[in-house]
Amino acid sequence: MGKSVIVRDVSKKYKLFSNPRERLLDLVVPGKSYGEDFYALQNISFDVDEGDIVGFIGVNGSGKSTLSNIIAGVVPETTGSVEVKGQAALIAVNSGLDGKLSGRENIELKLLMLGFSQAEINELEEGIIEFAELEKFIDQPVKSYSSGMKSRLGFAISVNVDPDVLLIDEALSVGDKAFAEKSLSKMYEFKEKGKTMFFVSHSIGQMRKFCEKVVWLEFGQVKEYGPSSEVLDHYEEFLKEYKQMSKKQKQEYQEKVIKERSSKQAAT
């Protein structure tokens, strides 16, 4: 069995500015840096075998969505490298949808960008609309859609283009239960075909049911990566303590983790 995704020393750095003037100065003043560096991800490395189903867990701000976007090719990494075997598709609310266009126009645009011919688009379009259950609304602008409708449209497009690697980022947390069940059923079909999937969700129950391996991200770094039952047991133990912390204690904990990480990197 070959490797489907190889992530090596991936970091993602953003600049945080306290005001618009600082942002402008950072662009126009040569040789001087303004703003504060913020690492959403730092030195992330792991391998995924073909057919693996991998969950991303972590408290808010741990970098789950950033990592999903990098693997999908939506945003570039600052340093490091990501190798993906085949085509990757990201399913997330609003991902890749233009609010000014109708649902139908979004389908056609997305498929054109993926290299499908007009004949292929015509063949796929009605199946996508039917799966998304948006027949009455498909010619309305997407900006008028609810979060659930956007999620259904994004999911329907992505699964119908039959990608090699599928990334689902909280897409099943919005909308109705019936559609979530239908989506999970489609994901099981992909699993039987040996597709590689990544699953981002706050539902540990869904993770236990669906994922074989789990990456636990803690404030931009891999805390643990291994069999889902093992990692999720450790994460649930951590959550019991974390949820009892006050806002101040959570902030102090985050600062402590980042400081310890910086010390280790300086030592190496």
Protein backbone atom coordinates (compact mmCIF):
# COMPACT_ATOMS: atom_id res chain seq x y z
CA MET A 1 0.00 0.00 0.00
CA GLY A 2 1.44 3.37 -1.04
CA LYS A 3 1.35 6.76 0.61
CA SER A 4 -1.59 8.96 -0.30
CA VAL A 5 -0.56 12.13 1.57
CA ILE A 6 2.88 13.07 2.92
CA VAL A 7 3.10 16.17 5.13
CA ARG A 8 6.65 17.27 5.98
CA ASP A 9 7.61 20.09 8.39
CA VAL A 10 4.65 22.24 7.34
CA SER A 11 4.28 25.65 8.96
CA LYS A 12 1.80 28.43 8.22
CA LYS A 13 2.67 31.93 9.36
CA TYR A 14 0.36 34.93 9.35
CA LYS A 15 1.02 38.53 10.28
CA LEU A 16 -1.21 40.09 12.96
CA PHE A 17 -1.53 43.88 12.75
CA SER A 18 -2.93 46.14 15.46
CA ASN A 19 -4.23 48.69 12.92
CA PRO A 20 -4.46 49.33 9.13
CA ARG A 21 -1.49 51.75 9.25
CA GLU A 22 0.77 48.99 10.55
CA ARG A 23 -0.34 46.70 7.73
CA LEU A 24 0.44 49.41 5.13
CA LEU A 25 3.87 50.14 6.61
CA ASP A 26 4.75 46.46 6.49
CA LEU A 27 4.06 46.50 2.75
CA VAL A 28 5.86 49.73 1.80
CA VAL A 29 8.79 50.17 4.22
CA PRO A 30 11.78 48.14 2.99
CA GLY A 31 13.96 46.27 5.44
CA LYS A 32 11.61 46.63 8.40
CA SER A 33 8.90 44.29 9.62
CA TYR A 34 5.71 45.50 11.26
CA GLY A 35 3.06 43.43 13.02
CA GLU A 36 3.37 40.24 15.03
CA ASP A 37 4.15 36.84 13.55
CA PHE A 38 1.51 34.22 14.32
CA TYR A 39 1.99 30.54 13.51
CA ALA A 40 -1.31 28.77 12.82
CA LEU A 41 0.74 25.62 12.18
CA GLN A 42 4.34 24.83 13.06
CA ASN A 43 6.48 21.90 11.92
CA ILE A 44 3.62 19.50 11.13
CA SER A 45 4.70 16.09 9.82
CA PHE A 46 2.79 12.83 9.23
CA ASP A 47 2.11 10.23 6.52
CA VAL A 48 -1.24 8.83 5.39
CA ASP A 49 -1.61 5.52 3.57
CA GLU A 50 -3.98 5.05 0.64
CA GLY A 51 -7.45 4.24 1.96
CA ASP A 52 -6.85 5.69 5.43
CA ILE A 53 -9.61 7.68 7.11
CA VAL A 54 -7.98 10.27 9.35
CA GLY A 55 -9.68 12.60 11.82
CA PHE A 56 -8.36 16.02 12.87
CA ILE A 57 -9.20 16.98 16.46
CA GLY A 58 -8.25 19.84 18.75
CA VAL A 59 -9.81 22.77 20.56
CA ASN A 60 -10.73 25.89 18.59
CA GLY A 61 -7.65 27.63 17.21
CA SER A 62 -5.54 24.48 16.96
CA GLY A 63 -5.15 24.68 13.18
CA LYS A 64 -7.51 21.94 11.94
CA SER A 65 -9.10 23.98 9.16
CA THR A 66 -5.78 25.58 8.18
CA LEU A 67 -4.22 22.14 7.75
CA SER A 68 -7.24 20.91 5.76
CA ASN A 69 -6.98 23.92 3.44
CA ILE A 70 -3.26 23.35 2.88
CA ILE A 71 -3.70 19.64 2.05
CA ALA A 72 -6.53 20.55 -0.34
CA GLY A 73 -4.35 23.16 -2.04
CA VAL A 74 -6.68 26.04 -1.13
CA VAL A 75 -3.97 27.98 0.74
CA PRO A 76 -0.18 27.56 0.47
CA GLU A 77 2.08 26.50 3.31
CA THR A 78 4.71 29.03 4.45
CA THR A 79 7.42 26.38 4.79
CA GLY A 80 7.56 22.61 4.41
CA SER A 81 5.89 20.45 1.79
CA VAL A 82 2.69 18.48 1.12
CA GLU A 83 2.52 15.66 -1.41
CA VAL A 84 -0.95 14.46 -2.44
CA LYS A 85 -1.44 11.48 -4.74
CA GLY A 86 -4.26 12.39 -7.12
CA GLN A 87 -6.94 15.04 -6.85
CA ALA A 88 -8.06 16.43 -3.48
CA ALA A 89 -11.48 17.96 -2.76
CA LEU A 90 -12.38 20.02 0.31
CA ILE A 91 -15.93 20.07 1.65
CA ALA A 92 -16.55 22.98 4.01
CA VAL A 93 -19.36 25.50 4.42
CA ASN A 94 -18.85 28.28 1.82
CA SER A 95 -15.69 26.62 0.47
CA GLY A 96 -15.23 27.58 -3.16
CA LEU A 97 -18.74 29.02 -3.56
CA ASP A 98 -19.39 32.45 -5.09
CA GLY A 99 -22.32 34.09 -3.31
CA LYS A 100 -23.21 36.26 -6.29
CA LEU A 101 -23.71 33.26 -8.57
CA SER A 102 -26.61 30.82 -8.50
CA GLY A 103 -26.19 27.27 -7.26
CA ARG A 104 -26.24 25.99 -10.85
CA GLU A 105 -23.63 28.53 -11.95
CA ASN A 106 -21.43 27.52 -9.01
CA ILE A 107 -21.65 23.88 -10.05
CA GLU A 108 -20.65 24.72 -13.61
CA LEU A 109 -17.81 27.05 -12.53
CA LYS A 110 -16.38 24.54 -10.05
CA LEU A 111 -16.45 21.71 -12.60
CA LEU A 112 -14.87 23.90 -15.29
CA MET A 113 -12.07 24.79 -12.87
CA LEU A 114 -11.53 21.07 -12.25
CA GLY A 115 -11.09 20.49 -15.99
CA PHE A 116 -14.44 18.90 -16.89
CA SER A 117 -15.78 19.44 -20.41
CA GLN A 118 -19.20 20.99 -21.02
CA ALA A 119 -20.58 17.58 -22.00
CA GLU A 120 -19.29 16.07 -18.73
CA ILE A 121 -20.75 18.97 -16.76
CA ASN A 122 -24.16 18.47 -18.38
CA GLU A 123 -23.98 14.80 -17.44
CA LEU A 124 -23.06 15.45 -13.80
CA GLU A 125 -25.18 18.53 -13.08
CA GLU A 126 -28.60 17.01 -12.43
CA GLY A 127 -27.15 14.31 -10.18
CA ILE A 128 -25.41 16.98 -8.09
CA ILE A 129 -28.60 19.04 -7.79
CA GLU A 130 -30.63 15.97 -6.83
CA PHE A 131 -28.09 14.85 -4.21
CA ALA A 132 -27.99 18.36 -2.70
CA GLU A 133 -31.81 18.42 -2.55
CA LEU A 134 -31.82 21.98 -3.93
CA GLU A 135 -34.09 21.61 -6.96
CA LYS A 136 -36.32 24.56 -5.96
CA PHE A 137 -33.41 26.84 -5.11
CA ILE A 138 -30.70 25.89 -7.59
CA ASP A 139 -31.16 29.00 -9.74
CA GLN A 140 -31.19 31.39 -6.77
CA PRO A 141 -27.98 33.23 -5.72
CA VAL A 142 -25.94 31.27 -3.19
CA LYS A 143 -25.77 34.33 -0.90
CA SER A 144 -29.47 33.68 -0.15
CA TYR A 145 -28.78 30.08 0.94
CA SER A 146 -28.69 28.96 4.56
CA SER A 147 -25.47 27.43 5.93
CA GLY A 148 -27.03 23.98 5.56
CA MET A 149 -27.90 24.57 1.91
CA LYS A 150 -24.38 25.79 1.13
CA SER A 151 -22.92 22.76 2.87
CA ARG A 152 -25.20 20.40 0.92
CA LEU A 153 -24.21 22.01 -2.38
CA GLY A 154 -20.49 21.86 -1.57
CA PHE A 155 -20.75 18.23 -0.47
CA ALA A 156 -22.75 17.22 -3.55
CA ILE A 157 -20.25 18.81 -5.94
CA SER A 158 -17.22 17.28 -4.23
CA VAL A 159 -18.46 13.69 -3.94
CA ASN A 160 -19.79 13.63 -7.50
CA VAL A 161 -16.42 14.60 -9.03
CA ASP A 162 -15.02 11.41 -7.43
CA PRO A 163 -11.78 12.81 -5.92
CA ASP A 164 -8.87 10.63 -4.78
CA VAL A 165 -8.58 12.47 -1.45
CA LEU A 166 -11.64 13.90 0.31
CA LEU A 167 -11.45 16.42 3.17
CA ILE A 168 -14.64 17.08 5.16
CA ASP A 169 -14.35 20.13 7.44
CA GLU A 170 -17.37 20.42 9.77
CA ALA A 171 -19.60 20.10 6.70
CA LEU A 172 -21.92 17.63 8.43
CA SER A 173 -22.42 19.81 11.50
CA VAL A 174 -24.90 22.08 9.72
CA GLY A 175 -28.20 21.17 8.11
CA ASP A 176 -30.61 18.37 8.87
CA LYS A 177 -29.89 14.94 10.31
CA ALA A 178 -31.29 13.11 7.28
CA PHE A 179 -28.79 14.75 4.92
CA ALA A 180 -25.94 14.07 7.37
CA GLU A 181 -26.89 10.38 7.34
CA LYS A 182 -27.00 10.37 3.53
CA SER A 183 -23.60 12.05 3.42
CA LEU A 184 -22.10 9.52 5.84
CA SER A 185 -23.49 6.74 3.65
CA LYS A 186 -21.75 8.28 0.63
CA MET A 187 -18.54 8.51 2.63
CA TYR A 188 -18.79 4.78 3.42
CA GLU A 189 -19.05 4.15 -0.33
CA PHE A 190 -15.81 6.08 -0.76
CA LYS A 191 -14.27 4.03 2.05
CA GLU A 192 -15.17 0.79 0.25
CA LYS A 193 -13.49 2.14 -2.89
CA GLY A 194 -10.28 2.70 -0.90
CA LYS A 195 -10.40 6.49 -1.04
CA THR A 196 -8.33 8.52 1.43
CA MET A 197 -10.43 10.80 3.65
CA PHE A 198 -9.83 13.45 6.28
CA PHE A 199 -12.59 14.30 8.72
CA VAL A 200 -12.75 17.46 10.86
CA SER A 201 -15.51 17.42 13.45
CA HIS A 202 -16.20 18.32 17.08
CA SER A 203 -18.30 15.15 17.30
CA ILE A 204 -16.14 12.52 18.98
CA GLY A 205 -18.95 10.02 18.38
CA GLN A 206 -18.68 10.56 14.61
CA MET A 207 -14.89 10.28 14.86
CA ARG A 208 -15.09 6.94 16.69
CA LYS A 209 -17.63 5.65 14.19
CA PHE A 210 -15.83 6.70 11.04
CA CYS A 211 -12.08 7.33 11.54
CA GLU A 212 -9.31 4.76 11.76
CA LYS A 213 -6.55 7.19 12.73
CA VAL A 214 -6.61 10.59 14.41
CA VAL A 215 -4.26 13.60 14.39
CA TRP A 216 -4.59 15.61 17.61
CA LEU A 217 -3.52 19.20 16.95
CA GLU A 218 -2.70 21.44 19.90
CA PHE A 219 -2.25 25.13 19.07
CA GLY A 220 -0.62 24.50 15.72
CA GLN A 221 1.44 21.40 16.45
CA VAL A 222 0.84 17.64 16.42
CA LYS A 223 0.19 16.51 19.99
CA GLU A 224 -0.50 12.88 19.04
CA TYR A 225 -1.10 10.76 15.92
CA GLY A 226 -2.23 7.16 16.01
CA PRO A 227 -5.18 4.72 16.17
CA SER A 228 -8.46 6.60 16.66
CA SER A 229 -9.60 4.76 19.80
CA GLU A 230 -6.30 5.43 21.57
CA VAL A 231 -5.94 9.10 20.61
CA LEU A 232 -9.62 9.90 21.23
CA ASP A 233 -9.44 8.35 24.73
CA HIS A 234 -6.50 10.65 25.55
CA TYR A 235 -8.27 13.66 24.00
CA GLU A 236 -11.47 13.07 25.99
CA GLU A 237 -9.44 12.92 29.21
CA PHE A 238 -7.81 16.24 28.26
CA LEU A 239 -11.19 17.83 27.40
CA LYS A 240 -12.61 17.03 30.85
CA GLU A 241 -9.88 19.16 32.41
CA TYR A 242 -9.83 21.83 29.69
CA LYS A 243 -13.57 22.50 29.90
CA GLN A 244 -13.25 23.14 33.63
CA MET A 245 -10.70 25.92 33.05
CA SER A 246 -11.64 29.58 33.15
CA LYS A 247 -10.98 31.79 30.11
CA LYS A 248 -7.84 33.10 31.81
CA GLN A 249 -6.60 29.59 32.64
CA LYS A 250 -7.14 28.48 29.02
CA GLN A 251 -5.10 31.45 27.82
CA GLU A 252 -2.33 30.65 30.30
CA TYR A 253 -2.34 27.00 29.21
CA GLN A 254 -2.03 28.01 25.55
CA GLU A 255 0.86 30.36 26.33
CA LYS A 256 2.59 27.61 28.33
CA VAL A 257 2.27 25.09 25.47
CA ILE A 258 3.63 27.57 22.91
CA LYS A 259 6.50 28.60 25.21
CA GLU A 260 7.51 24.97 25.85
CA ARG A 261 7.39 24.29 22.11
CA SER A 262 9.63 27.30 21.38
CA SER A 263 12.12 26.17 24.04
CA LYS A 264 12.34 22.67 22.54
CA GLN A 265 12.88 24.07 19.04
CA ALA A 266 15.58 26.44 20.30
CA ALA A 267 17.34 23.50 21.99
CA THR A 268 17.40 21.52 18.75
